[in-house]
Amino acid sequence: TVNGWKFPGGLSNPGEDIGDTAVREVFEETGIKSEFKSILSIRQQHKHPGAFGKSDMYIICRLQPSSFTINFCQQECLRCEWMDLDELARTKHATPITSNVAKLLLYGYREGFDKIDITMREFPAVYTGLFYKLYHRELPESYRNIT
């Protein structure tokens, strides 16, 4: 892999929800506590050498930090720091996915996250006692309350 700026990330544990994976991985790699807000984007690729012979889906989440002091994992990271999104979107020292997500976040901050967020709602499944999570763009109030 190329040594360039990228967002924290990693693999889900079996049975672990998307948002929980993002929060856990960010904490493990940076020491930053956060809360899941939304999915920003999904990357799918096939025949990736690090994906154990499987197709790979990489889900990019927007988190809200609740702590700001970095205490990064030196086994996984060479450096770890807060960066200005404008700078991250423009630098040549970031992975293409990182600079694209930085542009998406800039757009969200400027125009409203409702334009980019894929939010999650939990519903009871047809199987008693089970629930599922449905991810989608938020519906306007007038559509949410149709019965």
N, C-alpha and C. Protein backbone atom coordinates (compact mmCIF):
# COMPACT_ATOMS: atom_id res chain seq x y z
N THR A 1 0.83 -1.21 0.00
CA THR A 1 0.00 0.00 0.00
C THR A 1 0.87 1.26 0.00
N VAL A 2 0.32 2.31 -0.51
CA VAL A 2 1.01 3.59 -0.59
C VAL A 2 0.87 4.31 0.75
N ASN A 3 1.94 4.95 1.22
CA ASN A 3 1.85 5.76 2.41
C ASN A 3 1.27 7.11 2.04
N GLY A 4 -0.03 7.25 2.26
CA GLY A 4 -0.73 8.50 1.99
C GLY A 4 -1.80 8.68 3.04
N TRP A 5 -2.37 9.86 3.09
CA TRP A 5 -3.44 10.13 4.06
C TRP A 5 -4.67 9.32 3.71
N LYS A 6 -5.28 8.73 4.72
CA LYS A 6 -6.54 8.03 4.54
C LYS A 6 -7.32 8.09 5.84
N PHE A 7 -8.61 7.83 5.74
CA PHE A 7 -9.44 7.78 6.94
C PHE A 7 -9.23 6.45 7.65
N PRO A 8 -9.46 6.40 8.97
CA PRO A 8 -9.35 5.12 9.68
C PRO A 8 -10.37 4.12 9.14
N GLY A 9 -10.07 2.84 9.27
CA GLY A 9 -11.02 1.83 8.80
C GLY A 9 -10.54 0.44 9.12
N GLY A 10 -11.40 -0.52 8.84
CA GLY A 10 -11.02 -1.91 9.09
C GLY A 10 -12.19 -2.84 8.87
N LEU A 11 -11.97 -4.10 9.18
CA LEU A 11 -12.96 -5.14 8.92
C LEU A 11 -13.98 -5.24 10.04
N SER A 12 -15.22 -5.56 9.66
CA SER A 12 -16.28 -5.83 10.64
C SER A 12 -16.05 -7.18 11.29
N ASN A 13 -16.44 -7.28 12.53
CA ASN A 13 -16.49 -8.58 13.20
C ASN A 13 -17.80 -9.25 12.81
N PRO A 14 -17.86 -10.58 12.81
CA PRO A 14 -19.13 -11.26 12.49
C PRO A 14 -20.25 -10.76 13.39
N GLY A 15 -21.39 -10.41 12.80
CA GLY A 15 -22.55 -9.95 13.56
C GLY A 15 -22.47 -8.50 14.02
N GLU A 16 -21.45 -7.76 13.60
CA GLU A 16 -21.26 -6.37 14.03
C GLU A 16 -21.92 -5.42 13.02
N ASP A 17 -22.71 -4.48 13.52
CA ASP A 17 -23.36 -3.50 12.65
C ASP A 17 -22.34 -2.54 12.05
N ILE A 18 -22.70 -1.98 10.90
CA ILE A 18 -21.83 -1.08 10.14
C ILE A 18 -21.33 0.09 11.00
N GLY A 19 -22.26 0.78 11.64
CA GLY A 19 -21.88 1.95 12.45
C GLY A 19 -21.00 1.57 13.62
N ASP A 20 -21.28 0.41 14.24
CA ASP A 20 -20.47 -0.05 15.37
C ASP A 20 -19.04 -0.36 14.92
N THR A 21 -18.90 -0.93 13.73
CA THR A 21 -17.56 -1.21 13.19
C THR A 21 -16.79 0.10 13.01
N ALA A 22 -17.44 1.09 12.41
CA ALA A 22 -16.77 2.38 12.16
C ALA A 22 -16.32 3.03 13.46
N VAL A 23 -17.21 3.07 14.45
CA VAL A 23 -16.88 3.68 15.74
C VAL A 23 -15.72 2.92 16.41
N ARG A 24 -15.77 1.59 16.40
CA ARG A 24 -14.73 0.77 17.02
C ARG A 24 -13.39 0.97 16.33
N GLU A 25 -13.39 0.90 14.99
CA GLU A 25 -12.13 1.04 14.25
C GLU A 25 -11.51 2.42 14.44
N VAL A 26 -12.31 3.46 14.43
CA VAL A 26 -11.77 4.81 14.65
C VAL A 26 -11.15 4.89 16.03
N PHE A 27 -11.83 4.33 17.03
CA PHE A 27 -11.28 4.35 18.39
C PHE A 27 -9.98 3.55 18.48
N GLU A 28 -9.97 2.34 17.91
CA GLU A 28 -8.77 1.49 17.98
C GLU A 28 -7.57 2.15 17.31
N GLU A 29 -7.81 2.82 16.18
CA GLU A 29 -6.69 3.39 15.42
C GLU A 29 -6.27 4.78 15.89
N THR A 30 -7.22 5.56 16.45
CA THR A 30 -6.91 6.97 16.76
C THR A 30 -7.09 7.35 18.21
N GLY A 31 -7.84 6.54 18.98
CA GLY A 31 -8.17 6.91 20.35
C GLY A 31 -9.34 7.88 20.45
N ILE A 32 -9.93 8.24 19.30
CA ILE A 32 -11.05 9.20 19.26
C ILE A 32 -12.37 8.45 19.47
N LYS A 33 -13.17 8.94 20.44
CA LYS A 33 -14.52 8.40 20.65
C LYS A 33 -15.47 9.13 19.72
N SER A 34 -16.45 8.38 19.17
CA SER A 34 -17.36 9.00 18.21
C SER A 34 -18.71 8.29 18.21
N GLU A 35 -19.65 8.88 17.49
CA GLU A 35 -21.00 8.33 17.34
C GLU A 35 -21.32 8.24 15.85
N PHE A 36 -21.92 7.13 15.43
CA PHE A 36 -22.33 6.95 14.03
C PHE A 36 -23.42 7.94 13.67
N LYS A 37 -23.30 8.61 12.52
CA LYS A 37 -24.30 9.54 12.04
C LYS A 37 -24.96 9.04 10.75
N SER A 38 -24.16 8.56 9.81
CA SER A 38 -24.72 8.15 8.52
C SER A 38 -23.70 7.37 7.71
N ILE A 39 -24.19 6.79 6.63
CA ILE A 39 -23.30 6.23 5.60
C ILE A 39 -23.15 7.32 4.54
N LEU A 40 -21.94 7.55 4.10
CA LEU A 40 -21.67 8.54 3.07
C LEU A 40 -21.58 7.90 1.69
N SER A 41 -20.98 6.72 1.65
CA SER A 41 -20.76 6.09 0.36
C SER A 41 -20.33 4.65 0.55
N ILE A 42 -20.43 3.88 -0.53
CA ILE A 42 -20.04 2.47 -0.51
C ILE A 42 -19.16 2.22 -1.73
N ARG A 43 -17.99 1.62 -1.47
CA ARG A 43 -17.11 1.22 -2.57
C ARG A 43 -17.19 -0.30 -2.67
N GLN A 44 -17.39 -0.78 -3.89
CA GLN A 44 -17.38 -2.22 -4.13
C GLN A 44 -16.24 -2.53 -5.08
N GLN A 45 -15.49 -3.58 -4.80
CA GLN A 45 -14.46 -4.02 -5.74
C GLN A 45 -14.31 -5.53 -5.66
N HIS A 46 -13.75 -6.08 -6.72
CA HIS A 46 -13.58 -7.52 -6.84
C HIS A 46 -12.09 -7.81 -7.06
N LYS A 47 -11.66 -9.00 -6.67
CA LYS A 47 -10.28 -9.47 -6.87
C LYS A 47 -9.25 -8.58 -6.17
N HIS A 48 -9.64 -7.95 -5.05
CA HIS A 48 -8.70 -7.15 -4.26
C HIS A 48 -7.77 -8.12 -3.53
N PRO A 49 -6.44 -7.92 -3.60
CA PRO A 49 -5.52 -8.89 -3.01
C PRO A 49 -5.69 -9.09 -1.50
N GLY A 50 -6.21 -8.08 -0.78
CA GLY A 50 -6.35 -8.22 0.67
C GLY A 50 -7.74 -8.66 1.12
N ALA A 51 -8.58 -9.12 0.20
CA ALA A 51 -9.98 -9.43 0.54
C ALA A 51 -10.26 -10.93 0.64
N PHE A 52 -9.22 -11.72 0.85
CA PHE A 52 -9.37 -13.16 1.11
C PHE A 52 -10.15 -13.89 -0.01
N GLY A 53 -9.95 -13.45 -1.25
CA GLY A 53 -10.61 -14.09 -2.39
C GLY A 53 -12.08 -13.75 -2.52
N LYS A 54 -12.56 -12.80 -1.75
CA LYS A 54 -13.97 -12.40 -1.79
C LYS A 54 -14.12 -11.04 -2.46
N SER A 55 -15.34 -10.75 -2.93
CA SER A 55 -15.64 -9.38 -3.34
C SER A 55 -15.67 -8.54 -2.07
N ASP A 56 -15.33 -7.27 -2.21
CA ASP A 56 -15.10 -6.41 -1.06
C ASP A 56 -16.03 -5.20 -1.12
N MET A 57 -16.74 -4.94 -0.03
CA MET A 57 -17.54 -3.73 0.09
C MET A 57 -16.97 -2.91 1.23
N TYR A 58 -16.64 -1.68 0.94
CA TYR A 58 -16.05 -0.76 1.89
C TYR A 58 -17.07 0.34 2.12
N ILE A 59 -17.60 0.42 3.34
CA ILE A 59 -18.68 1.34 3.64
C ILE A 59 -18.11 2.52 4.42
N ILE A 60 -18.30 3.72 3.87
CA ILE A 60 -17.73 4.93 4.46
C ILE A 60 -18.80 5.64 5.27
N CYS A 61 -18.52 5.79 6.56
CA CYS A 61 -19.49 6.36 7.49
C CYS A 61 -19.08 7.77 7.93
N ARG A 62 -20.09 8.56 8.25
CA ARG A 62 -19.86 9.88 8.87
C ARG A 62 -20.09 9.70 10.36
N LEU A 63 -19.08 10.06 11.15
CA LEU A 63 -19.15 9.95 12.60
C LEU A 63 -19.03 11.34 13.21
N GLN A 64 -19.61 11.48 14.40
CA GLN A 64 -19.48 12.73 15.16
C GLN A 64 -18.53 12.45 16.32
N PRO A 65 -17.38 13.13 16.37
CA PRO A 65 -16.46 12.87 17.48
C PRO A 65 -16.99 13.41 18.81
N SER A 66 -16.70 12.69 19.90
CA SER A 66 -17.02 13.19 21.23
C SER A 66 -15.75 13.39 22.06
N SER A 67 -14.62 13.01 21.49
CA SER A 67 -13.32 13.33 22.08
C SER A 67 -12.41 13.75 20.92
N PHE A 68 -11.36 14.50 21.24
CA PHE A 68 -10.56 15.10 20.17
C PHE A 68 -9.06 14.87 20.31
N THR A 69 -8.63 14.31 21.44
CA THR A 69 -7.21 14.06 21.66
C THR A 69 -6.81 12.75 21.00
N ILE A 70 -5.88 12.84 20.07
CA ILE A 70 -5.44 11.65 19.33
C ILE A 70 -4.44 10.85 20.17
N ASN A 71 -4.67 9.54 20.22
CA ASN A 71 -3.75 8.59 20.84
C ASN A 71 -3.71 7.40 19.89
N PHE A 72 -2.91 7.51 18.83
CA PHE A 72 -3.03 6.55 17.72
C PHE A 72 -2.24 5.27 17.93
N CYS A 73 -2.71 4.24 17.24
CA CYS A 73 -2.12 2.91 17.28
C CYS A 73 -0.87 2.90 16.39
N GLN A 74 0.29 2.76 16.99
CA GLN A 74 1.54 2.83 16.22
C GLN A 74 1.79 1.57 15.41
N GLN A 75 1.05 0.48 15.68
CA GLN A 75 1.17 -0.73 14.85
C GLN A 75 0.46 -0.52 13.51
N GLU A 76 -0.60 0.31 13.50
CA GLU A 76 -1.40 0.48 12.29
C GLU A 76 -1.16 1.79 11.55
N CYS A 77 -0.65 2.79 12.25
CA CYS A 77 -0.52 4.13 11.64
C CYS A 77 0.89 4.68 11.81
N LEU A 78 1.39 5.33 10.77
CA LEU A 78 2.67 6.04 10.86
C LEU A 78 2.46 7.39 11.53
N ARG A 79 1.37 8.06 11.13
CA ARG A 79 1.01 9.36 11.70
C ARG A 79 -0.51 9.41 11.76
N CYS A 80 -1.02 10.27 12.62
CA CYS A 80 -2.46 10.45 12.75
C CYS A 80 -2.69 11.88 13.19
N GLU A 81 -3.50 12.62 12.44
CA GLU A 81 -3.77 14.01 12.83
C GLU A 81 -5.10 14.49 12.25
N TRP A 82 -5.65 15.51 12.91
CA TRP A 82 -6.83 16.18 12.37
C TRP A 82 -6.38 17.01 11.18
N MET A 83 -7.16 17.00 10.10
CA MET A 83 -6.79 17.76 8.91
C MET A 83 -7.95 18.61 8.43
N ASP A 84 -7.62 19.72 7.82
CA ASP A 84 -8.61 20.57 7.19
C ASP A 84 -9.16 19.85 5.95
N LEU A 85 -10.47 19.80 5.80
CA LEU A 85 -11.07 19.07 4.67
C LEU A 85 -10.68 19.65 3.32
N ASP A 86 -10.57 20.99 3.24
CA ASP A 86 -10.13 21.62 1.98
C ASP A 86 -8.76 21.10 1.58
N GLU A 87 -7.86 21.05 2.55
CA GLU A 87 -6.50 20.58 2.31
C GLU A 87 -6.50 19.10 1.91
N LEU A 88 -7.30 18.29 2.62
CA LEU A 88 -7.37 16.86 2.34
C LEU A 88 -7.96 16.60 0.95
N ALA A 89 -8.92 17.41 0.54
CA ALA A 89 -9.54 17.25 -0.78
C ALA A 89 -8.54 17.57 -1.91
N ARG A 90 -7.58 18.44 -1.63
CA ARG A 90 -6.65 18.91 -2.67
C ARG A 90 -5.29 18.22 -2.68
N THR A 91 -4.89 17.64 -1.54
CA THR A 91 -3.52 17.10 -1.46
C THR A 91 -3.33 15.93 -2.42
N LYS A 92 -2.11 15.82 -2.93
CA LYS A 92 -1.74 14.69 -3.79
C LYS A 92 -1.30 13.50 -2.93
N HIS A 93 -1.23 13.72 -1.60
CA HIS A 93 -0.75 12.69 -0.68
C HIS A 93 -1.89 11.97 0.02
N ALA A 94 -3.01 11.81 -0.68
CA ALA A 94 -4.16 11.08 -0.14
C ALA A 94 -4.60 10.06 -1.17
N THR A 95 -5.23 8.99 -0.71
CA THR A 95 -5.77 8.00 -1.64
C THR A 95 -6.93 8.66 -2.40
N PRO A 96 -7.26 8.18 -3.61
CA PRO A 96 -8.38 8.77 -4.36
C PRO A 96 -9.70 8.72 -3.57
N ILE A 97 -9.94 7.63 -2.86
CA ILE A 97 -11.18 7.52 -2.09
C ILE A 97 -11.21 8.57 -0.99
N THR A 98 -10.07 8.85 -0.37
CA THR A 98 -9.99 9.85 0.70
C THR A 98 -10.29 11.25 0.18
N SER A 99 -9.69 11.62 -0.94
CA SER A 99 -9.94 12.97 -1.46
C SER A 99 -11.39 13.11 -1.93
N ASN A 100 -11.97 12.05 -2.48
CA ASN A 100 -13.38 12.12 -2.89
C ASN A 100 -14.32 12.23 -1.69
N VAL A 101 -14.04 11.49 -0.62
CA VAL A 101 -14.86 11.58 0.59
C VAL A 101 -14.70 12.96 1.24
N ALA A 102 -13.49 13.51 1.21
CA ALA A 102 -13.27 14.86 1.74
C ALA A 102 -14.13 15.88 0.98
N LYS A 103 -14.23 15.73 -0.35
CA LYS A 103 -15.08 16.63 -1.15
C LYS A 103 -16.55 16.45 -0.79
N LEU A 104 -16.97 15.20 -0.58
CA LEU A 104 -18.35 14.91 -0.18
C LEU A 104 -18.66 15.57 1.17
N LEU A 105 -17.73 15.46 2.12
CA LEU A 105 -17.92 16.08 3.43
C LEU A 105 -17.96 17.61 3.34
N LEU A 106 -17.10 18.19 2.51
CA LEU A 106 -17.13 19.64 2.30
C LEU A 106 -18.50 20.08 1.80
N TYR A 107 -19.03 19.34 0.84
CA TYR A 107 -20.35 19.63 0.28
C TYR A 107 -21.41 19.53 1.38
N GLY A 108 -21.34 18.49 2.21
CA GLY A 108 -22.28 18.32 3.31
C GLY A 108 -22.24 19.47 4.30
N TYR A 109 -21.03 19.89 4.69
CA TYR A 109 -20.90 21.02 5.63
C TYR A 109 -21.46 22.30 5.03
N ARG A 110 -21.24 22.51 3.75
CA ARG A 110 -21.66 23.77 3.11
C ARG A 110 -23.13 23.78 2.72
N GLU A 111 -23.65 22.63 2.24
CA GLU A 111 -25.01 22.60 1.68
C GLU A 111 -26.00 21.84 2.55
N GLY A 112 -25.51 21.16 3.57
CA GLY A 112 -26.38 20.38 4.47
C GLY A 112 -26.16 18.89 4.27
N PHE A 113 -26.00 18.17 5.38
CA PHE A 113 -25.76 16.73 5.30
C PHE A 113 -26.97 15.96 4.79
N ASP A 114 -28.15 16.58 4.87
CA ASP A 114 -29.35 15.92 4.32
C ASP A 114 -29.21 15.66 2.82
N LYS A 115 -28.31 16.38 2.16
CA LYS A 115 -28.10 16.18 0.71
C LYS A 115 -27.21 14.96 0.42
N ILE A 116 -26.46 14.48 1.42
CA ILE A 116 -25.52 13.38 1.16
C ILE A 116 -25.70 12.17 2.06
N ASP A 117 -26.30 12.35 3.24
CA ASP A 117 -26.39 11.26 4.21
C ASP A 117 -27.31 10.13 3.76
N ILE A 118 -26.88 8.92 4.04
CA ILE A 118 -27.74 7.74 3.97
C ILE A 118 -27.94 7.35 5.42
N THR A 119 -29.16 7.55 5.93
CA THR A 119 -29.41 7.33 7.35
C THR A 119 -29.94 5.92 7.59
N MET A 120 -30.07 5.57 8.87
CA MET A 120 -30.49 4.23 9.23
C MET A 120 -31.72 4.31 10.12
N ARG A 121 -32.68 3.44 9.83
CA ARG A 121 -33.84 3.26 10.72
C ARG A 121 -33.97 1.78 11.00
N GLU A 122 -34.34 1.46 12.24
CA GLU A 122 -34.49 0.06 12.64
C GLU A 122 -35.96 -0.31 12.66
N PHE A 123 -36.28 -1.47 12.14
CA PHE A 123 -37.65 -1.97 12.07
C PHE A 123 -37.72 -3.39 12.61
N PRO A 124 -38.89 -3.78 13.17
CA PRO A 124 -39.06 -5.17 13.58
C PRO A 124 -39.12 -6.07 12.35
N ALA A 125 -38.42 -7.18 12.40
CA ALA A 125 -38.43 -8.15 11.29
C ALA A 125 -39.69 -9.01 11.40
N VAL A 126 -39.99 -9.75 10.34
CA VAL A 126 -41.14 -10.66 10.37
C VAL A 126 -40.91 -11.78 11.38
N TYR A 127 -39.65 -12.05 11.72
CA TYR A 127 -39.32 -13.07 12.71
C TYR A 127 -39.40 -12.45 14.10
N THR A 128 -40.21 -13.00 14.97
CA THR A 128 -40.45 -12.44 16.30
C THR A 128 -39.15 -12.16 17.05
N GLY A 129 -39.07 -10.94 17.57
CA GLY A 129 -37.92 -10.57 18.40
C GLY A 129 -36.70 -10.10 17.62
N LEU A 130 -36.72 -10.21 16.30
CA LEU A 130 -35.57 -9.76 15.50
C LEU A 130 -35.87 -8.41 14.87
N PHE A 131 -34.80 -7.68 14.58
CA PHE A 131 -34.91 -6.37 13.96
C PHE A 131 -33.96 -6.30 12.78
N TYR A 132 -34.24 -5.41 11.85
CA TYR A 132 -33.31 -5.16 10.76
C TYR A 132 -33.09 -3.67 10.64
N LYS A 133 -32.02 -3.31 9.97
CA LYS A 133 -31.68 -1.91 9.76
C LYS A 133 -31.82 -1.59 8.29
N LEU A 134 -32.55 -0.54 8.00
CA LEU A 134 -32.76 -0.09 6.63
C LEU A 134 -32.03 1.23 6.45
N TYR A 135 -31.14 1.27 5.46
CA TYR A 135 -30.34 2.47 5.19
C TYR A 135 -30.86 3.13 3.93
N HIS A 136 -31.13 4.43 4.01
CA HIS A 136 -31.66 5.17 2.85
C HIS A 136 -31.53 6.66 3.11
N ARG A 137 -31.73 7.46 2.06
CA ARG A 137 -31.83 8.91 2.23
C ARG A 137 -33.07 9.18 3.06
N GLU A 138 -33.02 10.17 3.92
CA GLU A 138 -34.14 10.49 4.79
C GLU A 138 -35.32 10.99 3.97
N LEU A 139 -36.49 10.46 4.27
CA LEU A 139 -37.72 10.88 3.58
C LEU A 139 -38.23 12.19 4.18
N PRO A 140 -38.87 13.03 3.35
CA PRO A 140 -39.53 14.22 3.91
C PRO A 140 -40.63 13.79 4.89
N GLU A 141 -40.91 14.64 5.86
CA GLU A 141 -41.91 14.37 6.90
C GLU A 141 -43.24 13.90 6.30
N SER A 142 -43.66 14.53 5.21
CA SER A 142 -44.96 14.20 4.60
C SER A 142 -45.03 12.75 4.10
N TYR A 143 -43.88 12.17 3.74
CA TYR A 143 -43.85 10.79 3.28
C TYR A 143 -43.64 9.80 4.43
N ARG A 144 -42.91 10.24 5.47
CA ARG A 144 -42.63 9.37 6.60
C ARG A 144 -43.91 8.98 7.33
N ASN A 145 -44.90 9.86 7.34
CA ASN A 145 -46.10 9.64 8.14
C ASN A 145 -47.30 9.12 7.36
N ILE A 146 -47.09 8.66 6.12
CA ILE A 146 -48.19 8.05 5.36
C ILE A 146 -48.52 6.70 6.01
N THR A 147 -49.79 6.47 6.29
CA THR A 147 -50.16 5.19 6.92
C THR A 147 -51.17 4.44 6.04
